[in-house]
């Protein structure tokens, strides 16, 4: 996650330097996707740690709600 701070700093620097909008958006999109992937990995780990084998018996609506909280 620490590298994402660098990515976001780079986005800000690019904007301050007046870089092309498409380049800024591309960099921002890459940072956003990395954070999203990390969030889902954390959620997956939490589910395994907190629910273990019981996760299979969770109410699907609760699982969906948990995942949608990252959307």
PDB file of N, CA and C in Angstrom:
ATOM      1  N   UNK A   1       0.817  -1.199   0.000  1.00  0.00           N
ATOM      2  CA  UNK A   1       0.000   0.000   0.000  1.00  0.00           C
ATOM      3  C   UNK A   1       0.861   1.264   0.000  1.00  0.00           C
ATOM      4  N   UNK A   2       2.067   1.193   0.536  1.00  0.00           N
ATOM      5  CA  UNK A   2       2.888   2.382   0.608  1.00  0.00           C
ATOM      6  C   UNK A   2       3.219   2.919  -0.772  1.00  0.00           C
ATOM      7  N   UNK A   3       3.364   2.041  -1.758  1.00  0.00           N
ATOM      8  CA  UNK A   3       3.685   2.519  -3.096  1.00  0.00           C
ATOM      9  C   UNK A   3       2.532   3.324  -3.673  1.00  0.00           C
ATOM     10  N   UNK A   4       1.302   3.067  -3.213  1.00  0.00           N
ATOM     11  CA  UNK A   4       0.172   3.824  -3.734  1.00  0.00           C
ATOM     12  C   UNK A   4       0.271   5.288  -3.352  1.00  0.00           C
ATOM     13  N   UNK A   5       0.821   5.582  -2.175  1.00  0.00           N
ATOM     14  CA  UNK A   5       1.024   6.979  -1.820  1.00  0.00           C
ATOM     15  C   UNK A   5       1.894   7.647  -2.866  1.00  0.00           C
ATOM     16  N   UNK A   6       2.912   6.937  -3.318  1.00  0.00           N
ATOM     17  CA  UNK A   6       3.771   7.459  -4.378  1.00  0.00           C
ATOM     18  C   UNK A   6       3.012   7.663  -5.670  1.00  0.00           C
ATOM     19  N   UNK A   7       2.131   6.732  -5.973  1.00  0.00           N
ATOM     20  CA  UNK A   7       1.318   6.858  -7.191  1.00  0.00           C
ATOM     21  C   UNK A   7       0.433   8.095  -7.110  1.00  0.00           C
ATOM     22  N   UNK A   8      -0.181   8.305  -5.962  1.00  0.00           N
ATOM     23  CA  UNK A   8      -1.065   9.460  -5.812  1.00  0.00           C
ATOM     24  C   UNK A   8      -0.273  10.763  -5.813  1.00  0.00           C
ATOM     25  N   UNK A   9       0.909  10.747  -5.212  1.00  0.00           N
ATOM     26  CA  UNK A   9       1.784  11.923  -5.276  1.00  0.00           C
ATOM     27  C   UNK A   9       2.139  12.227  -6.727  1.00  0.00           C
ATOM     28  N   UNK A  10       2.381  11.174  -7.497  1.00  0.00           N
ATOM     29  CA  UNK A  10       2.714  11.353  -8.912  1.00  0.00           C
ATOM     30  C   UNK A  10       1.556  11.978  -9.670  1.00  0.00           C
ATOM     31  N   UNK A  11       0.332  11.579  -9.350  1.00  0.00           N
ATOM     32  CA  UNK A  11      -0.845  12.152 -10.011  1.00  0.00           C
ATOM     33  C   UNK A  11      -0.914  13.651  -9.711  1.00  0.00           C
ATOM     34  N   UNK A  12      -0.734  13.994  -8.450  1.00  0.00           N
ATOM     35  CA  UNK A  12      -0.784  15.410  -8.064  1.00  0.00           C
ATOM     36  C   UNK A  12       0.319  16.193  -8.769  1.00  0.00           C
ATOM     37  N   UNK A  13       1.528  15.634  -8.781  1.00  0.00           N
ATOM     38  CA  UNK A  13       2.656  16.299  -9.437  1.00  0.00           C
ATOM     39  C   UNK A  13       2.367  16.483 -10.930  1.00  0.00           C
ATOM     40  N   UNK A  14       1.804  15.461 -11.561  1.00  0.00           N
ATOM     41  CA  UNK A  14       1.482  15.550 -12.979  1.00  0.00           C
ATOM     42  C   UNK A  14       0.493  16.686 -13.242  1.00  0.00           C
ATOM     43  N   UNK A  15      -0.499  16.807 -12.356  1.00  0.00           N
ATOM     44  CA  UNK A  15      -1.485  17.878 -12.518  1.00  0.00           C
ATOM     45  C   UNK A  15      -0.827  19.243 -12.345  1.00  0.00           C
ATOM     46  N   UNK A  16       0.028  19.357 -11.338  1.00  0.00           N
ATOM     47  CA  UNK A  16       0.706  20.627 -11.090  1.00  0.00           C
ATOM     48  C   UNK A  16       1.621  21.006 -12.256  1.00  0.00           C
ATOM     49  N   UNK A  17       2.188  20.004 -12.899  1.00  0.00           N
ATOM     50  CA  UNK A  17       3.080  20.249 -14.038  1.00  0.00           C
ATOM     51  C   UNK A  17       2.317  20.512 -15.334  1.00  0.00           C
ATOM     52  N   UNK A  18       1.003  20.358 -15.284  1.00  0.00           N
ATOM     53  CA  UNK A  18       0.195  20.597 -16.471  1.00  0.00           C
ATOM     54  C   UNK A  18       0.296  19.491 -17.506  1.00  0.00           C
ATOM     55  N   UNK A  19       0.560  18.269 -17.050  1.00  0.00           N
ATOM     56  CA  UNK A  19       0.672  17.136 -17.980  1.00  0.00           C
ATOM     57  C   UNK A  19      -0.651  16.886 -18.676  1.00  0.00           C
ATOM     58  N   UNK A  20      -0.584  16.156 -19.751  1.00  0.00           N
ATOM     59  CA  UNK A  20      -1.787  15.826 -20.539  1.00  0.00           C
ATOM     60  C   UNK A  20      -2.832  15.137 -19.656  1.00  0.00           C
ATOM     61  N   UNK A  21      -4.074  15.529 -19.844  1.00  0.00           N
ATOM     62  CA  UNK A  21      -5.167  14.961 -19.043  1.00  0.00           C
ATOM     63  C   UNK A  21      -5.238  13.449 -19.175  1.00  0.00           C
ATOM     64  N   UNK A  22      -5.027  12.942 -20.374  1.00  0.00           N
ATOM     65  CA  UNK A  22      -5.112  11.493 -20.564  1.00  0.00           C
ATOM     66  C   UNK A  22      -4.035  10.765 -19.760  1.00  0.00           C
ATOM     67  N   UNK A  23      -2.844  11.362 -19.661  1.00  0.00           N
ATOM     68  CA  UNK A  23      -1.778  10.743 -18.869  1.00  0.00           C
ATOM     69  C   UNK A  23      -2.133  10.731 -17.382  1.00  0.00           C
ATOM     70  N   UNK A  24      -2.702  11.848 -16.921  1.00  0.00           N
ATOM     71  CA  UNK A  24      -3.089  11.948 -15.507  1.00  0.00           C
ATOM     72  C   UNK A  24      -4.183  10.925 -15.196  1.00  0.00           C
ATOM     73  N   UNK A  25      -5.176  10.855 -16.055  1.00  0.00           N
ATOM     74  CA  UNK A  25      -6.289   9.924 -15.834  1.00  0.00           C
ATOM     75  C   UNK A  25      -5.791   8.476 -15.887  1.00  0.00           C
ATOM     76  N   UNK A  26      -4.885   8.181 -16.794  1.00  0.00           N
ATOM     77  CA  UNK A  26      -4.329   6.824 -16.879  1.00  0.00           C
ATOM     78  C   UNK A  26      -3.623   6.458 -15.582  1.00  0.00           C
ATOM     79  N   UNK A  27      -2.803   7.366 -15.064  1.00  0.00           N
ATOM     80  CA  UNK A  27      -2.086   7.107 -13.809  1.00  0.00           C
ATOM     81  C   UNK A  27      -3.066   6.971 -12.646  1.00  0.00           C
ATOM     82  N   UNK A  28      -4.067   7.833 -12.593  1.00  0.00           N
ATOM     83  CA  UNK A  28      -5.066   7.779 -11.530  1.00  0.00           C
ATOM     84  C   UNK A  28      -5.860   6.483 -11.594  1.00  0.00           C
ATOM     85  N   UNK A  29      -6.201   6.058 -12.792  1.00  0.00           N
ATOM     86  CA  UNK A  29      -6.931   4.809 -12.971  1.00  0.00           C
ATOM     87  C   UNK A  29      -6.112   3.622 -12.477  1.00  0.00           C
ATOM     88  N   UNK A  30      -4.828   3.603 -12.774  1.00  0.00           N
ATOM     89  CA  UNK A  30      -3.961   2.517 -12.323  1.00  0.00           C
ATOM     90  C   UNK A  30      -3.886   2.477 -10.795  1.00  0.00           C
ATOM     91  N   UNK A  31      -3.760   3.646 -10.176  1.00  0.00           N
ATOM     92  CA  UNK A  31      -3.712   3.718  -8.715  1.00  0.00           C
ATOM     93  C   UNK A  31      -5.030   3.245  -8.117  1.00  0.00           C
ATOM     94  N   UNK A  32      -6.138   3.653  -8.726  1.00  0.00           N
ATOM     95  CA  UNK A  32      -7.459   3.260  -8.233  1.00  0.00           C
ATOM     96  C   UNK A  32      -7.643   1.745  -8.309  1.00  0.00           C
ATOM     97  N   UNK A  33      -7.235   1.147  -9.413  1.00  0.00           N
ATOM     98  CA  UNK A  33      -7.373  -0.300  -9.570  1.00  0.00           C
ATOM     99  C   UNK A  33      -6.522  -1.046  -8.552  1.00  0.00           C
ATOM    100  N   UNK A  34      -5.318  -0.539  -8.292  1.00  0.00           N
ATOM    101  CA  UNK A  34      -4.445  -1.189  -7.305  1.00  0.00           C
ATOM    102  C   UNK A  34      -5.061  -1.126  -5.909  1.00  0.00           C
ATOM    103  N   UNK A  35      -5.643   0.015  -5.557  1.00  0.00           N
ATOM    104  CA  UNK A  35      -6.288   0.143  -4.254  1.00  0.00           C
ATOM    105  C   UNK A  35      -7.501  -0.779  -4.176  1.00  0.00           C
ATOM    106  N   UNK A  36      -8.267  -0.867  -5.250  1.00  0.00           N
ATOM    107  CA  UNK A  36      -9.438  -1.758  -5.267  1.00  0.00           C
ATOM    108  C   UNK A  36      -9.025  -3.214  -5.085  1.00  0.00           C
ATOM    109  N   UNK A  37      -7.986  -3.631  -5.796  1.00  0.00           N
ATOM    110  CA  UNK A  37      -7.512  -5.009  -5.654  1.00  0.00           C
ATOM    111  C   UNK A  37      -7.040  -5.273  -4.233  1.00  0.00           C
ATOM    112  N   UNK A  38      -6.336  -4.316  -3.661  1.00  0.00           N
ATOM    113  CA  UNK A  38      -5.860  -4.476  -2.283  1.00  0.00           C
ATOM    114  C   UNK A  38      -7.040  -4.560  -1.324  1.00  0.00           C
ATOM    115  N   UNK A  39      -8.070  -3.757  -1.556  1.00  0.00           N
ATOM    116  CA  UNK A  39      -9.254  -3.784  -0.692  1.00  0.00           C
ATOM    117  C   UNK A  39      -9.931  -5.142  -0.726  1.00  0.00           C
ATOM    118  N   UNK A  40     -10.078  -5.717  -1.916  1.00  0.00           N
ATOM    119  CA  UNK A  40     -10.712  -7.031  -2.017  1.00  0.00           C
ATOM    120  C   UNK A  40      -9.843  -8.112  -1.384  1.00  0.00           C
ATOM    121  N   UNK A  41      -8.533  -7.975  -1.487  1.00  0.00           N
ATOM    122  CA  UNK A  41      -7.639  -8.941  -0.846  1.00  0.00           C
ATOM    123  C   UNK A  41      -7.790  -8.865   0.670  1.00  0.00           C
ATOM    124  N   UNK A  42      -7.853  -7.645   1.201  1.00  0.00           N
ATOM    125  CA  UNK A  42      -8.052  -7.471   2.643  1.00  0.00           C
ATOM    126  C   UNK A  42      -9.392  -8.064   3.059  1.00  0.00           C
ATOM    127  N   UNK A  43     -10.438  -7.788   2.291  1.00  0.00           N
ATOM    128  CA  UNK A  43     -11.758  -8.330   2.606  1.00  0.00           C
ATOM    129  C   UNK A  43     -11.738  -9.850   2.595  1.00  0.00           C
ATOM    130  N   UNK A  44     -11.092 -10.436   1.617  1.00  0.00           N
ATOM    131  CA  UNK A  44     -10.990 -11.886   1.540  1.00  0.00           C
ATOM    132  C   UNK A  44     -10.274 -12.448   2.763  1.00  0.00           C
ATOM    133  N   UNK A  45      -9.191 -11.806   3.157  1.00  0.00           N
ATOM    134  CA  UNK A  45      -8.436 -12.246   4.329  1.00  0.00           C
ATOM    135  C   UNK A  45      -9.281 -12.126   5.587  1.00  0.00           C
ATOM    136  N   UNK A  46     -10.011 -11.028   5.707  1.00  0.00           N
ATOM    137  CA  UNK A  46     -10.878 -10.836   6.877  1.00  0.00           C
ATOM    138  C   UNK A  46     -11.934 -11.932   6.934  1.00  0.00           C
ATOM    139  N   UNK A  47     -12.532 -12.231   5.782  1.00  0.00           N
ATOM    140  CA  UNK A  47     -13.567 -13.274   5.770  1.00  0.00           C
ATOM    141  C   UNK A  47     -12.988 -14.609   6.194  1.00  0.00           C
ATOM    142  N   UNK A  48     -11.801 -14.954   5.698  1.00  0.00           N
ATOM    143  CA  UNK A  48     -11.181 -16.223   6.072  1.00  0.00           C
ATOM    144  C   UNK A  48     -10.849 -16.243   7.558  1.00  0.00           C
ATOM    145  N   UNK A  49     -10.315 -15.132   8.050  1.00  0.00           N
ATOM    146  CA  UNK A  49      -9.898 -15.055   9.440  1.00  0.00           C
ATOM    147  C   UNK A  49     -11.097 -15.043  10.390  1.00  0.00           C
ATOM    148  N   UNK A  50     -12.115 -14.275  10.052  1.00  0.00           N
ATOM    149  CA  UNK A  50     -13.254 -14.103  10.962  1.00  0.00           C
ATOM    150  C   UNK A  50     -14.296 -15.208  10.851  1.00  0.00           C
ATOM    151  N   UNK A  51     -14.442 -15.762   9.666  1.00  0.00           N
ATOM    152  CA  UNK A  51     -15.511 -16.725   9.457  1.00  0.00           C
ATOM    153  C   UNK A  51     -15.011 -18.138   9.192  1.00  0.00           C
ATOM    154  N   UNK A  52     -13.789 -18.268   8.723  1.00  0.00           N
ATOM    155  CA  UNK A  52     -13.226 -19.585   8.448  1.00  0.00           C
ATOM    156  C   UNK A  52     -14.161 -20.423   7.611  1.00  0.00           C
ATOM    157  N   UNK A  53     -14.345 -21.665   8.010  1.00  0.00           N
ATOM    158  CA  UNK A  53     -15.226 -22.569   7.274  1.00  0.00           C
ATOM    159  C   UNK A  53     -16.685 -22.152   7.359  1.00  0.00           C
ATOM    160  N   UNK A  54     -16.999 -21.318   8.345  1.00  0.00           N
ATOM    161  CA  UNK A  54     -18.383 -20.867   8.498  1.00  0.00           C
ATOM    162  C   UNK A  54     -18.791 -19.883   7.405  1.00  0.00           C
ATOM    163  N   UNK A  55     -17.814 -19.323   6.678  1.00  0.00           N
ATOM    164  CA  UNK A  55     -18.122 -18.346   5.633  1.00  0.00           C
ATOM    165  C   UNK A  55     -19.066 -18.938   4.590  1.00  0.00           C
ATOM    166  N   UNK A  56     -18.938 -20.230   4.352  1.00  0.00           N
ATOM    167  CA  UNK A  56     -19.805 -20.877   3.355  1.00  0.00           C
ATOM    168  C   UNK A  56     -21.262 -20.813   3.788  1.00  0.00           C
ATOM    169  N   UNK A  57     -21.504 -20.722   5.089  1.00  0.00           N
ATOM    170  CA  UNK A  57     -22.872 -20.668   5.600  1.00  0.00           C
ATOM    171  C   UNK A  57     -23.401 -19.259   5.791  1.00  0.00           C
ATOM    172  N   UNK A  58     -22.640 -18.252   5.372  1.00  0.00           N
ATOM    173  CA  UNK A  58     -23.090 -16.870   5.547  1.00  0.00           C
ATOM    174  C   UNK A  58     -24.271 -16.567   4.643  1.00  0.00           C
ATOM    175  N   UNK A  59     -25.083 -15.656   5.095  1.00  0.00           N
ATOM    176  CA  UNK A  59     -26.209 -15.193   4.295  1.00  0.00           C
ATOM    177  C   UNK A  59     -25.644 -14.469   3.064  1.00  0.00           C
ATOM    178  N   UNK A  60     -26.036 -14.892   1.876  1.00  0.00           N
ATOM    179  CA  UNK A  60     -25.508 -14.250   0.661  1.00  0.00           C
ATOM    180  C   UNK A  60     -25.724 -12.742   0.638  1.00  0.00           C
ATOM    181  N   UNK A  61     -26.816 -12.271   1.219  1.00  0.00           N
ATOM    182  CA  UNK A  61     -27.076 -10.829   1.247  1.00  0.00           C
ATOM    183  C   UNK A  61     -26.027 -10.111   2.089  1.00  0.00           C
ATOM    184  N   UNK A  62     -25.594 -10.744   3.185  1.00  0.00           N
ATOM    185  CA  UNK A  62     -24.557 -10.141   4.023  1.00  0.00           C
ATOM    186  C   UNK A  62     -23.218 -10.094   3.300  1.00  0.00           C
ATOM    187  N   UNK A  63     -22.904 -11.156   2.569  1.00  0.00           N
ATOM    188  CA  UNK A  63     -21.664 -11.194   1.800  1.00  0.00           C
ATOM    189  C   UNK A  63     -21.701 -10.106   0.722  1.00  0.00           C
ATOM    190  N   UNK A  64     -22.819 -10.003   0.035  1.00  0.00           N
ATOM    191  CA  UNK A  64     -22.961  -8.987  -1.005  1.00  0.00           C
ATOM    192  C   UNK A  64     -22.816  -7.589  -0.412  1.00  0.00           C
ATOM    193  N   UNK A  65     -23.438  -7.361   0.729  1.00  0.00           N
ATOM    194  CA  UNK A  65     -23.355  -6.052   1.378  1.00  0.00           C
ATOM    195  C   UNK A  65     -21.914  -5.708   1.736  1.00  0.00           C
ATOM    196  N   UNK A  66     -21.169  -6.712   2.218  1.00  0.00           N
ATOM    197  CA  UNK A  66     -19.778  -6.499   2.572  1.00  0.00           C
ATOM    198  C   UNK A  66     -18.959  -6.102   1.339  1.00  0.00           C
ATOM    199  N   UNK A  67     -19.141  -6.844   0.252  1.00  0.00           N
ATOM    200  CA  UNK A  67     -18.401  -6.537  -0.967  1.00  0.00           C
ATOM    201  C   UNK A  67     -18.811  -5.195  -1.549  1.00  0.00           C
ATOM    202  N   UNK A  68     -20.081  -4.870  -1.517  1.00  0.00           N
ATOM    203  CA  UNK A  68     -20.551  -3.610  -2.088  1.00  0.00           C
ATOM    204  C   UNK A  68     -20.074  -2.407  -1.281  1.00  0.00           C
ATOM    205  N   UNK A  69     -19.703  -2.620  -0.028  1.00  0.00           N
ATOM    206  CA  UNK A  69     -19.199  -1.495   0.755  1.00  0.00           C
ATOM    207  C   UNK A  69     -17.893  -0.968   0.165  1.00  0.00           C
ATOM    208  N   UNK A  70     -17.232  -1.769  -0.687  1.00  0.00           N
ATOM    209  CA  UNK A  70     -16.004  -1.342  -1.354  1.00  0.00           C
ATOM    210  C   UNK A  70     -16.267  -0.713  -2.713  1.00  0.00           C
ATOM    211  N   UNK A  71     -17.514  -0.732  -3.153  1.00  0.00           N
ATOM    212  CA  UNK A  71     -17.832  -0.201  -4.488  1.00  0.00           C
ATOM    213  C   UNK A  71     -17.950   1.308  -4.467  1.00  0.00           C
TER     214      UNK A  71
END
